[in-house]
Amino acid sequence: NTIKAVLIQNPFTMGYLGMAQAVASLKGFDTGPKFINTGVTVVNIYK
């Protein structure tokens, strides 16, 4: 209970999909939108 809550991002997804997008761009494939929101989750004592 020192900290009430934190917002957790998704760095694994950033790295995982970022690598896939890097290879797709090198192959000349469609990489889709210019921005992908990888999201956040609120974590507190209950979660």
All heavy atoms as atom14 arrays in JSON, in Angstrom:
{
  "sequence": "NTIKAVLIQNPFTMGYLGMAQAVASLKGFDTGPKFINTGVTVVNIYK",
  "atom14_mask": [
    [1, 1, 1, 1, 1, 1, 1, 1, 0, 0, 0, 0, 0, 0],
    [1, 1, 1, 1, 1, 1, 1, 0, 0, 0, 0, 0, 0, 0],
    [1, 1, 1, 1, 1, 1, 1, 1, 0, 0, 0, 0, 0, 0],
    [1, 1, 1, 1, 1, 1, 1, 1, 1, 0, 0, 0, 0, 0],
    [1, 1, 1, 1, 1, 0, 0, 0, 0, 0, 0, 0, 0, 0],
    [1, 1, 1, 1, 1, 1, 1, 0, 0, 0, 0, 0, 0, 0],
    [1, 1, 1, 1, 1, 1, 1, 1, 0, 0, 0, 0, 0, 0],
    [1, 1, 1, 1, 1, 1, 1, 1, 0, 0, 0, 0, 0, 0],
    [1, 1, 1, 1, 1, 1, 1, 1, 1, 0, 0, 0, 0, 0],
    [1, 1, 1, 1, 1, 1, 1, 1, 0, 0, 0, 0, 0, 0],
    [1, 1, 1, 1, 1, 1, 1, 0, 0, 0, 0, 0, 0, 0],
    [1, 1, 1, 1, 1, 1, 1, 1, 1, 1, 1, 0, 0, 0],
    [1, 1, 1, 1, 1, 1, 1, 0, 0, 0, 0, 0, 0, 0],
    [1, 1, 1, 1, 1, 1, 1, 1, 0, 0, 0, 0, 0, 0],
    [1, 1, 1, 1, 0, 0, 0, 0, 0, 0, 0, 0, 0, 0],
    [1, 1, 1, 1, 1, 1, 1, 1, 1, 1, 1, 1, 0, 0],
    [1, 1, 1, 1, 1, 1, 1, 1, 0, 0, 0, 0, 0, 0],
    [1, 1, 1, 1, 0, 0, 0, 0, 0, 0, 0, 0, 0, 0],
    [1, 1, 1, 1, 1, 1, 1, 1, 0, 0, 0, 0, 0, 0],
    [1, 1, 1, 1, 1, 0, 0, 0, 0, 0, 0, 0, 0, 0],
    [1, 1, 1, 1, 1, 1, 1, 1, 1, 0, 0, 0, 0, 0],
    [1, 1, 1, 1, 1, 0, 0, 0, 0, 0, 0, 0, 0, 0],
    [1, 1, 1, 1, 1, 1, 1, 0, 0, 0, 0, 0, 0, 0],
    [1, 1, 1, 1, 1, 0, 0, 0, 0, 0, 0, 0, 0, 0],
    [1, 1, 1, 1, 1, 1, 0, 0, 0, 0, 0, 0, 0, 0],
    [1, 1, 1, 1, 1, 1, 1, 1, 0, 0, 0, 0, 0, 0],
    [1, 1, 1, 1, 1, 1, 1, 1, 1, 0, 0, 0, 0, 0],
    [1, 1, 1, 1, 0, 0, 0, 0, 0, 0, 0, 0, 0, 0],
    [1, 1, 1, 1, 1, 1, 1, 1, 1, 1, 1, 0, 0, 0],
    [1, 1, 1, 1, 1, 1, 1, 1, 0, 0, 0, 0, 0, 0],
    [1, 1, 1, 1, 1, 1, 1, 0, 0, 0, 0, 0, 0, 0],
    [1, 1, 1, 1, 0, 0, 0, 0, 0, 0, 0, 0, 0, 0],
    [1, 1, 1, 1, 1, 1, 1, 0, 0, 0, 0, 0, 0, 0],
    [1, 1, 1, 1, 1, 1, 1, 1, 1, 0, 0, 0, 0, 0],
    [1, 1, 1, 1, 1, 1, 1, 1, 1, 1, 1, 0, 0, 0],
    [1, 1, 1, 1, 1, 1, 1, 1, 0, 0, 0, 0, 0, 0],
    [1, 1, 1, 1, 1, 1, 1, 1, 0, 0, 0, 0, 0, 0],
    [1, 1, 1, 1, 1, 1, 1, 0, 0, 0, 0, 0, 0, 0],
    [1, 1, 1, 1, 0, 0, 0, 0, 0, 0, 0, 0, 0, 0],
    [1, 1, 1, 1, 1, 1, 1, 0, 0, 0, 0, 0, 0, 0],
    [1, 1, 1, 1, 1, 1, 1, 0, 0, 0, 0, 0, 0, 0],
    [1, 1, 1, 1, 1, 1, 1, 0, 0, 0, 0, 0, 0, 0],
    [1, 1, 1, 1, 1, 1, 1, 0, 0, 0, 0, 0, 0, 0],
    [1, 1, 1, 1, 1, 1, 1, 1, 0, 0, 0, 0, 0, 0],
    [1, 1, 1, 1, 1, 1, 1, 1, 0, 0, 0, 0, 0, 0],
    [1, 1, 1, 1, 1, 1, 1, 1, 1, 1, 1, 1, 0, 0],
    [1, 1, 1, 1, 1, 1, 1, 1, 1, 0, 0, 0, 0, 0]
  ],
  "atom14_positions": [
    [[0.81, -1.23, 0.0], [0.0, 0.0, 0.0], [0.84, 1.28, 0.0], [0.33, 2.36, 0.28], [-0.97, 0.02, 1.18], [-2.33, 0.57, 0.79], [-2.73, 0.49, -0.37], [-3.04, 1.13, 1.75], [0.0, 0.0, 0.0], [0.0, 0.0, 0.0], [0.0, 0.0, 0.0], [0.0, 0.0, 0.0], [0.0, 0.0, 0.0], [0.0, 0.0, 0.0]],
    [[2.14, 1.17, -0.32], [2.97, 2.36, -0.45], [2.56, 3.14, -1.69], [2.44, 4.37, -1.67], [4.46, 1.98, -0.54], [4.84, 1.3, 0.65], [5.33, 3.2, -0.72], [0.0, 0.0, 0.0], [0.0, 0.0, 0.0], [0.0, 0.0, 0.0], [0.0, 0.0, 0.0], [0.0, 0.0, 0.0], [0.0, 0.0, 0.0], [0.0, 0.0, 0.0]],
    [[2.39, 2.42, -2.79], [1.9, 3.0, -4.05], [0.5, 2.45, -4.29], [0.27, 1.25, -4.15], [2.83, 2.63, -5.23], [4.22, 3.26, -5.03], [2.24, 3.08, -6.56], [5.25, 2.83, -6.06], [0.0, 0.0, 0.0], [0.0, 0.0, 0.0], [0.0, 0.0, 0.0], [0.0, 0.0, 0.0], [0.0, 0.0, 0.0], [0.0, 0.0, 0.0]],
    [[-0.42, 3.34, -4.67], [-1.81, 2.92, -4.82], [-2.07, 2.21, -6.14], [-2.87, 1.26, -6.2], [-2.74, 4.12, -4.69], [-2.84, 4.68, -3.29], [-3.47, 3.67, -2.34], [-3.66, 4.27, -0.95], [-4.26, 3.28, -0.01], [0.0, 0.0, 0.0], [0.0, 0.0, 0.0], [0.0, 0.0, 0.0], [0.0, 0.0, 0.0], [0.0, 0.0, 0.0]],
    [[-1.42, 2.67, -7.21], [-1.67, 2.06, -8.52], [-0.57, 2.48, -9.48], [0.08, 3.52, -9.3], [-3.03, 2.48, -9.08], [0.0, 0.0, 0.0], [0.0, 0.0, 0.0], [0.0, 0.0, 0.0], [0.0, 0.0, 0.0], [0.0, 0.0, 0.0], [0.0, 0.0, 0.0], [0.0, 0.0, 0.0], [0.0, 0.0, 0.0], [0.0, 0.0, 0.0]],
    [[-0.35, 1.66, -10.5], [0.54, 2.02, -11.61], [-0.15, 1.66, -12.91], [-1.04, 0.81, -12.96], [1.9, 1.29, -11.55], [2.69, 1.73, -10.33], [1.74, -0.22, -11.58], [0.0, 0.0, 0.0], [0.0, 0.0, 0.0], [0.0, 0.0, 0.0], [0.0, 0.0, 0.0], [0.0, 0.0, 0.0], [0.0, 0.0, 0.0], [0.0, 0.0, 0.0]],
    [[0.27, 2.34, -13.97], [-0.19, 2.01, -15.3], [0.9, 1.21, -15.99], [2.05, 1.65, -16.05], [-0.54, 3.27, -16.09], [-1.92, 3.86, -15.77], [-1.91, 4.57, -14.43], [-2.37, 4.81, -16.87], [0.0, 0.0, 0.0], [0.0, 0.0, 0.0], [0.0, 0.0, 0.0], [0.0, 0.0, 0.0], [0.0, 0.0, 0.0], [0.0, 0.0, 0.0]],
    [[0.55, 0.05, -16.46], [1.53, -0.85, -17.09], [1.34, -0.82, -18.6], [0.24, -1.0, -19.13], [1.35, -2.29, -16.58], [1.6, -2.36, -15.09], [2.3, -3.22, -17.31], [1.51, -3.75, -14.53], [0.0, 0.0, 0.0], [0.0, 0.0, 0.0], [0.0, 0.0, 0.0], [0.0, 0.0, 0.0], [0.0, 0.0, 0.0], [0.0, 0.0, 0.0]],
    [[2.44, -0.57, -19.29], [2.44, -0.61, -20.74], [2.71, -2.04, -21.23], [2.72, -2.98, -20.44], [3.51, 0.34, -21.27], [3.36, 1.76, -20.76], [4.46, 2.64, -21.26], [4.39, 3.17, -22.38], [5.5, 2.82, -20.47], [0.0, 0.0, 0.0], [0.0, 0.0, 0.0], [0.0, 0.0, 0.0], [0.0, 0.0, 0.0], [0.0, 0.0, 0.0]],
    [[2.95, -2.17, -22.51], [3.19, -3.48, -23.11], [4.49, -3.48, -23.91], [4.49, -3.57, -25.14], [2.01, -3.87, -24.01], [0.76, -4.15, -23.22], [0.71, -5.09, -22.43], [-0.26, -3.33, -23.42], [0.0, 0.0, 0.0], [0.0, 0.0, 0.0], [0.0, 0.0, 0.0], [0.0, 0.0, 0.0], [0.0, 0.0, 0.0], [0.0, 0.0, 0.0]],
    [[5.63, -3.37, -23.21], [6.91, -3.32, -23.94], [7.21, -4.59, -24.72], [7.87, -4.52, -25.78], [7.93, -3.09, -22.83], [7.28, -3.58, -21.57], [5.82, -3.27, -21.75], [0.0, 0.0, 0.0], [0.0, 0.0, 0.0], [0.0, 0.0, 0.0], [0.0, 0.0, 0.0], [0.0, 0.0, 0.0], [0.0, 0.0, 0.0], [0.0, 0.0, 0.0]],
    [[6.77, -5.74, -24.23], [7.0, -6.98, -24.99], [6.32, -6.88, -26.36], [6.92, -7.23, -27.39], [6.46, -8.19, -24.23], [6.77, -9.51, -24.89], [7.92, -10.22, -24.56], [5.92, -10.04, -25.86], [8.22, -11.43, -25.18], [6.22, -11.25, -26.49], [7.37, -11.94, -26.14], [0.0, 0.0, 0.0], [0.0, 0.0, 0.0], [0.0, 0.0, 0.0]],
    [[5.09, -6.4, -26.37], [4.36, -6.24, -27.63], [5.05, -5.25, -28.54], [5.14, -5.46, -29.76], [2.92, -5.78, -27.35], [2.26, -6.77, -26.56], [2.14, -5.58, -28.63], [0.0, 0.0, 0.0], [0.0, 0.0, 0.0], [0.0, 0.0, 0.0], [0.0, 0.0, 0.0], [0.0, 0.0, 0.0], [0.0, 0.0, 0.0], [0.0, 0.0, 0.0]],
    [[5.56, -4.15, -27.97], [6.29, -3.16, -28.78], [7.48, -3.81, -29.48], [7.71, -3.59, -30.67], [6.76, -2.01, -27.91], [5.67, -1.15, -27.32], [6.37, 0.14, -26.24], [4.91, 0.67, -25.34], [0.0, 0.0, 0.0], [0.0, 0.0, 0.0], [0.0, 0.0, 0.0], [0.0, 0.0, 0.0], [0.0, 0.0, 0.0], [0.0, 0.0, 0.0]],
    [[8.25, -4.6, -28.72], [9.41, -5.25, -29.31], [9.03, -6.34, -30.29], [9.62, -6.45, -31.38], [0.0, 0.0, 0.0], [0.0, 0.0, 0.0], [0.0, 0.0, 0.0], [0.0, 0.0, 0.0], [0.0, 0.0, 0.0], [0.0, 0.0, 0.0], [0.0, 0.0, 0.0], [0.0, 0.0, 0.0], [0.0, 0.0, 0.0], [0.0, 0.0, 0.0]],
    [[8.05, -7.13, -29.93], [7.64, -8.29, -30.74], [7.05, -7.83, -32.08], [7.5, -8.25, -33.15], [6.6, -9.08, -29.95], [6.2, -10.41, -30.51], [6.99, -11.54, -30.29], [5.02, -10.55, -31.22], [6.61, -12.78, -30.8], [4.63, -11.79, -31.72], [5.43, -12.9, -31.51], [5.04, -14.12, -32.0], [0.0, 0.0, 0.0], [0.0, 0.0, 0.0]],
    [[6.06, -6.92, -32.01], [5.45, -6.44, -33.24], [6.37, -5.48, -33.98], [6.34, -5.42, -35.22], [4.12, -5.74, -32.93], [2.99, -6.62, -32.4], [1.72, -5.8, -32.24], [2.74, -7.81, -33.33], [0.0, 0.0, 0.0], [0.0, 0.0, 0.0], [0.0, 0.0, 0.0], [0.0, 0.0, 0.0], [0.0, 0.0, 0.0], [0.0, 0.0, 0.0]],
    [[7.2, -4.74, -33.23], [8.15, -3.85, -33.89], [9.11, -4.61, -34.78], [9.43, -4.17, -35.9], [0.0, 0.0, 0.0], [0.0, 0.0, 0.0], [0.0, 0.0, 0.0], [0.0, 0.0, 0.0], [0.0, 0.0, 0.0], [0.0, 0.0, 0.0], [0.0, 0.0, 0.0], [0.0, 0.0, 0.0], [0.0, 0.0, 0.0], [0.0, 0.0, 0.0]],
    [[9.59, -5.75, -34.31], [10.47, -6.59, -35.13], [9.74, -7.1, -36.36], [10.29, -7.1, -37.48], [11.0, -7.75, -34.29], [11.89, -8.72, -35.04], [13.4, -7.95, -35.69], [14.26, -7.56, -34.15], [0.0, 0.0, 0.0], [0.0, 0.0, 0.0], [0.0, 0.0, 0.0], [0.0, 0.0, 0.0], [0.0, 0.0, 0.0], [0.0, 0.0, 0.0]],
    [[8.51, -7.54, -36.18], [7.73, -8.01, -37.32], [7.53, -6.9, -38.35], [7.63, -7.13, -39.57], [6.38, -8.54, -36.84], [0.0, 0.0, 0.0], [0.0, 0.0, 0.0], [0.0, 0.0, 0.0], [0.0, 0.0, 0.0], [0.0, 0.0, 0.0], [0.0, 0.0, 0.0], [0.0, 0.0, 0.0], [0.0, 0.0, 0.0], [0.0, 0.0, 0.0]],
    [[7.26, -5.68, -37.86], [7.06, -4.56, -38.77], [8.36, -4.18, -39.48], [8.36, -3.79, -40.65], [6.52, -3.35, -38.0], [5.1, -3.53, -37.47], [4.06, -3.4, -38.56], [4.37, -3.2, -39.73], [2.79, -3.52, -38.19], [0.0, 0.0, 0.0], [0.0, 0.0, 0.0], [0.0, 0.0, 0.0], [0.0, 0.0, 0.0], [0.0, 0.0, 0.0]],
    [[9.49, -4.3, -38.78], [10.79, -4.01, -39.4], [11.04, -4.94, -40.58], [11.44, -4.5, -41.67], [11.9, -4.13, -38.36], [0.0, 0.0, 0.0], [0.0, 0.0, 0.0], [0.0, 0.0, 0.0], [0.0, 0.0, 0.0], [0.0, 0.0, 0.0], [0.0, 0.0, 0.0], [0.0, 0.0, 0.0], [0.0, 0.0, 0.0], [0.0, 0.0, 0.0]],
    [[10.81, -6.23, -40.36], [11.03, -7.21, -41.43], [10.03, -6.99, -42.56], [10.38, -7.06, -43.75], [10.95, -8.64, -40.88], [11.01, -9.66, -42.02], [12.07, -8.89, -39.88], [0.0, 0.0, 0.0], [0.0, 0.0, 0.0], [0.0, 0.0, 0.0], [0.0, 0.0, 0.0], [0.0, 0.0, 0.0], [0.0, 0.0, 0.0], [0.0, 0.0, 0.0]],
    [[8.77, -6.71, -42.21], [7.76, -6.46, -43.24], [8.15, -5.29, -44.11], [8.01, -5.32, -45.35], [6.4, -6.2, -42.58], [0.0, 0.0, 0.0], [0.0, 0.0, 0.0], [0.0, 0.0, 0.0], [0.0, 0.0, 0.0], [0.0, 0.0, 0.0], [0.0, 0.0, 0.0], [0.0, 0.0, 0.0], [0.0, 0.0, 0.0], [0.0, 0.0, 0.0]],
    [[8.66, -4.22, -43.48], [9.05, -3.04, -44.26], [10.23, -3.36, -45.18], [10.3, -2.87, -46.32], [9.4, -1.87, -43.33], [10.57, -2.13, -42.58], [0.0, 0.0, 0.0], [0.0, 0.0, 0.0], [0.0, 0.0, 0.0], [0.0, 0.0, 0.0], [0.0, 0.0, 0.0], [0.0, 0.0, 0.0], [0.0, 0.0, 0.0], [0.0, 0.0, 0.0]],
    [[11.17, -4.17, -44.72], [12.32, -4.56, -45.54], [11.9, -5.43, -46.72], [12.5, -5.38, -47.8], [13.35, -5.29, -44.69], [14.11, -4.42, -43.69], [14.86, -5.28, -42.67], [15.09, -3.48, -44.42], [0.0, 0.0, 0.0], [0.0, 0.0, 0.0], [0.0, 0.0, 0.0], [0.0, 0.0, 0.0], [0.0, 0.0, 0.0], [0.0, 0.0, 0.0]],
    [[10.85, -6.21, -46.52], [10.34, -7.06, -47.6], [9.4, -6.31, -48.53], [8.96, -6.86, -49.55], [9.59, -8.26, -47.0], [10.46, -9.22, -46.2], [11.47, -9.95, -47.06], [10.81, -10.96, -47.96], [11.82, -11.76, -48.73], [0.0, 0.0, 0.0], [0.0, 0.0, 0.0], [0.0, 0.0, 0.0], [0.0, 0.0, 0.0], [0.0, 0.0, 0.0]],
    [[9.06, -5.06, -48.19], [8.15, -4.29, -49.03], [6.7, -4.62, -48.8], [5.85, -4.28, -49.64], [0.0, 0.0, 0.0], [0.0, 0.0, 0.0], [0.0, 0.0, 0.0], [0.0, 0.0, 0.0], [0.0, 0.0, 0.0], [0.0, 0.0, 0.0], [0.0, 0.0, 0.0], [0.0, 0.0, 0.0], [0.0, 0.0, 0.0], [0.0, 0.0, 0.0]],
    [[6.39, -5.23, -47.67], [5.01, -5.56, -47.35], [4.28, -4.35, -46.77], [4.91, -3.39, -46.28], [4.94, -6.7, -46.33], [5.45, -8.03, -46.83], [5.64, -9.08, -45.95], [5.74, -8.23, -48.17], [6.11, -10.31, -46.39], [6.2, -9.45, -48.63], [6.39, -10.5, -47.73], [0.0, 0.0, 0.0], [0.0, 0.0, 0.0], [0.0, 0.0, 0.0]],
    [[2.97, -4.4, -46.79], [2.15, -3.34, -46.2], [2.3, -3.4, -44.68], [2.05, -4.43, -44.07], [0.69, -3.56, -46.6], [-0.23, -2.47, -46.04], [0.28, -1.47, -45.5], [-1.46, -2.64, -46.14], [0.0, 0.0, 0.0], [0.0, 0.0, 0.0], [0.0, 0.0, 0.0], [0.0, 0.0, 0.0], [0.0, 0.0, 0.0], [0.0, 0.0, 0.0]],
    [[2.72, -2.27, -44.08], [2.9, -2.23, -42.62], [1.71, -1.6, -41.9], [1.75, -1.41, -40.69], [4.18, -1.46, -42.27], [4.15, -0.17, -42.89], [5.42, -2.22, -42.75], [0.0, 0.0, 0.0], [0.0, 0.0, 0.0], [0.0, 0.0, 0.0], [0.0, 0.0, 0.0], [0.0, 0.0, 0.0], [0.0, 0.0, 0.0], [0.0, 0.0, 0.0]],
    [[0.67, -1.24, -42.64], [-0.56, -0.77, -42.0], [-0.49, 0.67, -41.56], [0.21, 1.49, -42.18], [0.0, 0.0, 0.0], [0.0, 0.0, 0.0], [0.0, 0.0, 0.0], [0.0, 0.0, 0.0], [0.0, 0.0, 0.0], [0.0, 0.0, 0.0], [0.0, 0.0, 0.0], [0.0, 0.0, 0.0], [0.0, 0.0, 0.0], [0.0, 0.0, 0.0]],
    [[-1.18, 1.02, -40.47], [-1.26, 2.4, -40.02], [0.09, 2.9, -39.52], [0.99, 2.12, -39.21], [-2.28, 2.35, -38.87], [-2.19, 0.95, -38.36], [-1.92, 0.09, -39.57], [0.0, 0.0, 0.0], [0.0, 0.0, 0.0], [0.0, 0.0, 0.0], [0.0, 0.0, 0.0], [0.0, 0.0, 0.0], [0.0, 0.0, 0.0], [0.0, 0.0, 0.0]],
    [[0.21, 4.23, -39.42], [1.47, 4.83, -38.96], [1.66, 4.7, -37.45], [2.77, 4.84, -36.95], [1.5, 6.31, -39.35], [1.76, 6.55, -40.83], [3.2, 6.18, -41.19], [3.53, 6.52, -42.62], [4.92, 6.13, -42.97], [0.0, 0.0, 0.0], [0.0, 0.0, 0.0], [0.0, 0.0, 0.0], [0.0, 0.0, 0.0], [0.0, 0.0, 0.0]],
    [[0.57, 4.43, -36.72], [0.66, 4.34, -35.27], [-0.15, 3.15, -34.78], [-1.3, 2.97, -35.19], [0.14, 5.61, -34.6], [0.16, 5.58, -33.09], [1.33, 5.86, -32.39], [-0.98, 5.25, -32.37], [1.36, 5.83, -31.0], [-0.96, 5.2, -30.98], [0.22, 5.5, -30.29], [0.0, 0.0, 0.0], [0.0, 0.0, 0.0], [0.0, 0.0, 0.0]],
    [[0.46, 2.34, -33.92], [-0.25, 1.25, -33.26], [-0.22, 1.51, -31.76], [0.85, 1.61, -31.16], [0.38, -0.12, -33.57], [0.21, -0.47, -35.05], [-0.25, -1.2, -32.7], [0.84, -1.79, -35.45], [0.0, 0.0, 0.0], [0.0, 0.0, 0.0], [0.0, 0.0, 0.0], [0.0, 0.0, 0.0], [0.0, 0.0, 0.0], [0.0, 0.0, 0.0]],
    [[-1.39, 1.66, -31.18], [-1.51, 1.87, -29.73], [-1.41, 0.52, -29.04], [-2.27, -0.34, -29.19], [-2.86, 2.54, -29.42], [-3.08, 2.75, -27.93], [-2.17, 2.57, -27.12], [-4.28, 3.15, -27.57], [0.0, 0.0, 0.0], [0.0, 0.0, 0.0], [0.0, 0.0, 0.0], [0.0, 0.0, 0.0], [0.0, 0.0, 0.0], [0.0, 0.0, 0.0]],
    [[-0.32, 0.33, -28.28], [-0.1, -0.96, -27.62], [-0.76, -1.06, -26.25], [-0.66, -2.1, -25.61], [1.41, -1.24, -27.5], [2.06, -0.1, -26.92], [2.01, -1.5, -28.87], [0.0, 0.0, 0.0], [0.0, 0.0, 0.0], [0.0, 0.0, 0.0], [0.0, 0.0, 0.0], [0.0, 0.0, 0.0], [0.0, 0.0, 0.0], [0.0, 0.0, 0.0]],
    [[-1.41, 0.03, -25.79], [-2.31, -0.06, -24.64], [-1.65, 0.01, -23.28], [-0.43, -0.11, -23.13], [0.0, 0.0, 0.0], [0.0, 0.0, 0.0], [0.0, 0.0, 0.0], [0.0, 0.0, 0.0], [0.0, 0.0, 0.0], [0.0, 0.0, 0.0], [0.0, 0.0, 0.0], [0.0, 0.0, 0.0], [0.0, 0.0, 0.0], [0.0, 0.0, 0.0]],
    [[-2.49, 0.23, -22.25], [-2.05, 0.22, -20.86], [-3.08, -0.52, -20.01], [-4.24, -0.64, -20.39], [-1.87, 1.64, -20.28], [-0.73, 2.37, -20.94], [-3.16, 2.45, -20.36], [0.0, 0.0, 0.0], [0.0, 0.0, 0.0], [0.0, 0.0, 0.0], [0.0, 0.0, 0.0], [0.0, 0.0, 0.0], [0.0, 0.0, 0.0], [0.0, 0.0, 0.0]],
    [[-2.63, -0.99, -18.85], [-3.48, -1.64, -17.88], [-3.23, -1.0, -16.52], [-2.08, -0.76, -16.15], [-3.17, -3.15, -17.79], [-3.33, -3.74, -19.07], [-4.08, -3.85, -16.78], [0.0, 0.0, 0.0], [0.0, 0.0, 0.0], [0.0, 0.0, 0.0], [0.0, 0.0, 0.0], [0.0, 0.0, 0.0], [0.0, 0.0, 0.0], [0.0, 0.0, 0.0]],
    [[-4.29, -0.73, -15.77], [-4.14, -0.2, -14.41], [-3.97, -1.37, -13.45], [-4.76, -2.31, -13.45], [-5.36, 0.64, -14.0], [-5.21, 1.13, -12.55], [-5.53, 1.83, -14.94], [0.0, 0.0, 0.0], [0.0, 0.0, 0.0], [0.0, 0.0, 0.0], [0.0, 0.0, 0.0], [0.0, 0.0, 0.0], [0.0, 0.0, 0.0], [0.0, 0.0, 0.0]],
    [[-2.91, -1.3, -12.64], [-2.66, -2.35, -11.65], [-2.66, -1.71, -10.27], [-1.95, -0.72, -10.02], [-1.3, -3.05, -11.91], [-0.97, -4.01, -10.77], [-1.34, -3.79, -13.23], [0.0, 0.0, 0.0], [0.0, 0.0, 0.0], [0.0, 0.0, 0.0], [0.0, 0.0, 0.0], [0.0, 0.0, 0.0], [0.0, 0.0, 0.0], [0.0, 0.0, 0.0]],
    [[-3.47, -2.27, -9.37], [-3.51, -1.81, -7.98], [-3.43, -3.02, -7.07], [-3.13, -4.13, -7.51], [-4.78, -0.98, -7.73], [-6.04, -1.73, -8.12], [-6.11, -2.96, -8.04], [-7.05, -1.0, -8.57], [0.0, 0.0, 0.0], [0.0, 0.0, 0.0], [0.0, 0.0, 0.0], [0.0, 0.0, 0.0], [0.0, 0.0, 0.0], [0.0, 0.0, 0.0]],
    [[-3.7, -2.83, -5.79], [-3.53, -3.92, -4.82], [-4.43, -5.12, -5.14], [-4.11, -6.25, -4.81], [-3.78, -3.41, -3.39], [-3.23, -4.42, -2.37], [-5.26, -3.1, -3.17], [-3.2, -3.87, -0.94], [0.0, 0.0, 0.0], [0.0, 0.0, 0.0], [0.0, 0.0, 0.0], [0.0, 0.0, 0.0], [0.0, 0.0, 0.0], [0.0, 0.0, 0.0]],
    [[-5.52, -4.86, -5.84], [-6.45, -5.94, -6.18], [-6.0, -6.72, -7.42], [-6.5, -7.82, -7.67], [-7.85, -5.37, -6.41], [-8.33, -4.53, -5.26], [-8.39, -3.14, -5.35], [-8.68, -5.13, -4.05], [-8.81, -2.36, -4.28], [-9.11, -4.35, -2.97], [-9.17, -2.98, -3.1], [-9.57, -2.21, -2.03], [0.0, 0.0, 0.0], [0.0, 0.0, 0.0]],
    [[-5.1, -6.14, -8.21], [-4.73, -6.75, -9.48], [-3.25, -7.08, -9.57], [-2.75, -7.39, -10.65], [-5.06, -5.8, -10.64], [-6.53, -5.43, -10.75], [-6.7, -4.44, -11.9], [-8.14, -3.98, -12.04], [-8.3, -2.97, -13.09], [0.0, 0.0, 0.0], [0.0, 0.0, 0.0], [0.0, 0.0, 0.0], [0.0, 0.0, 0.0], [0.0, 0.0, 0.0]]
  ]
}
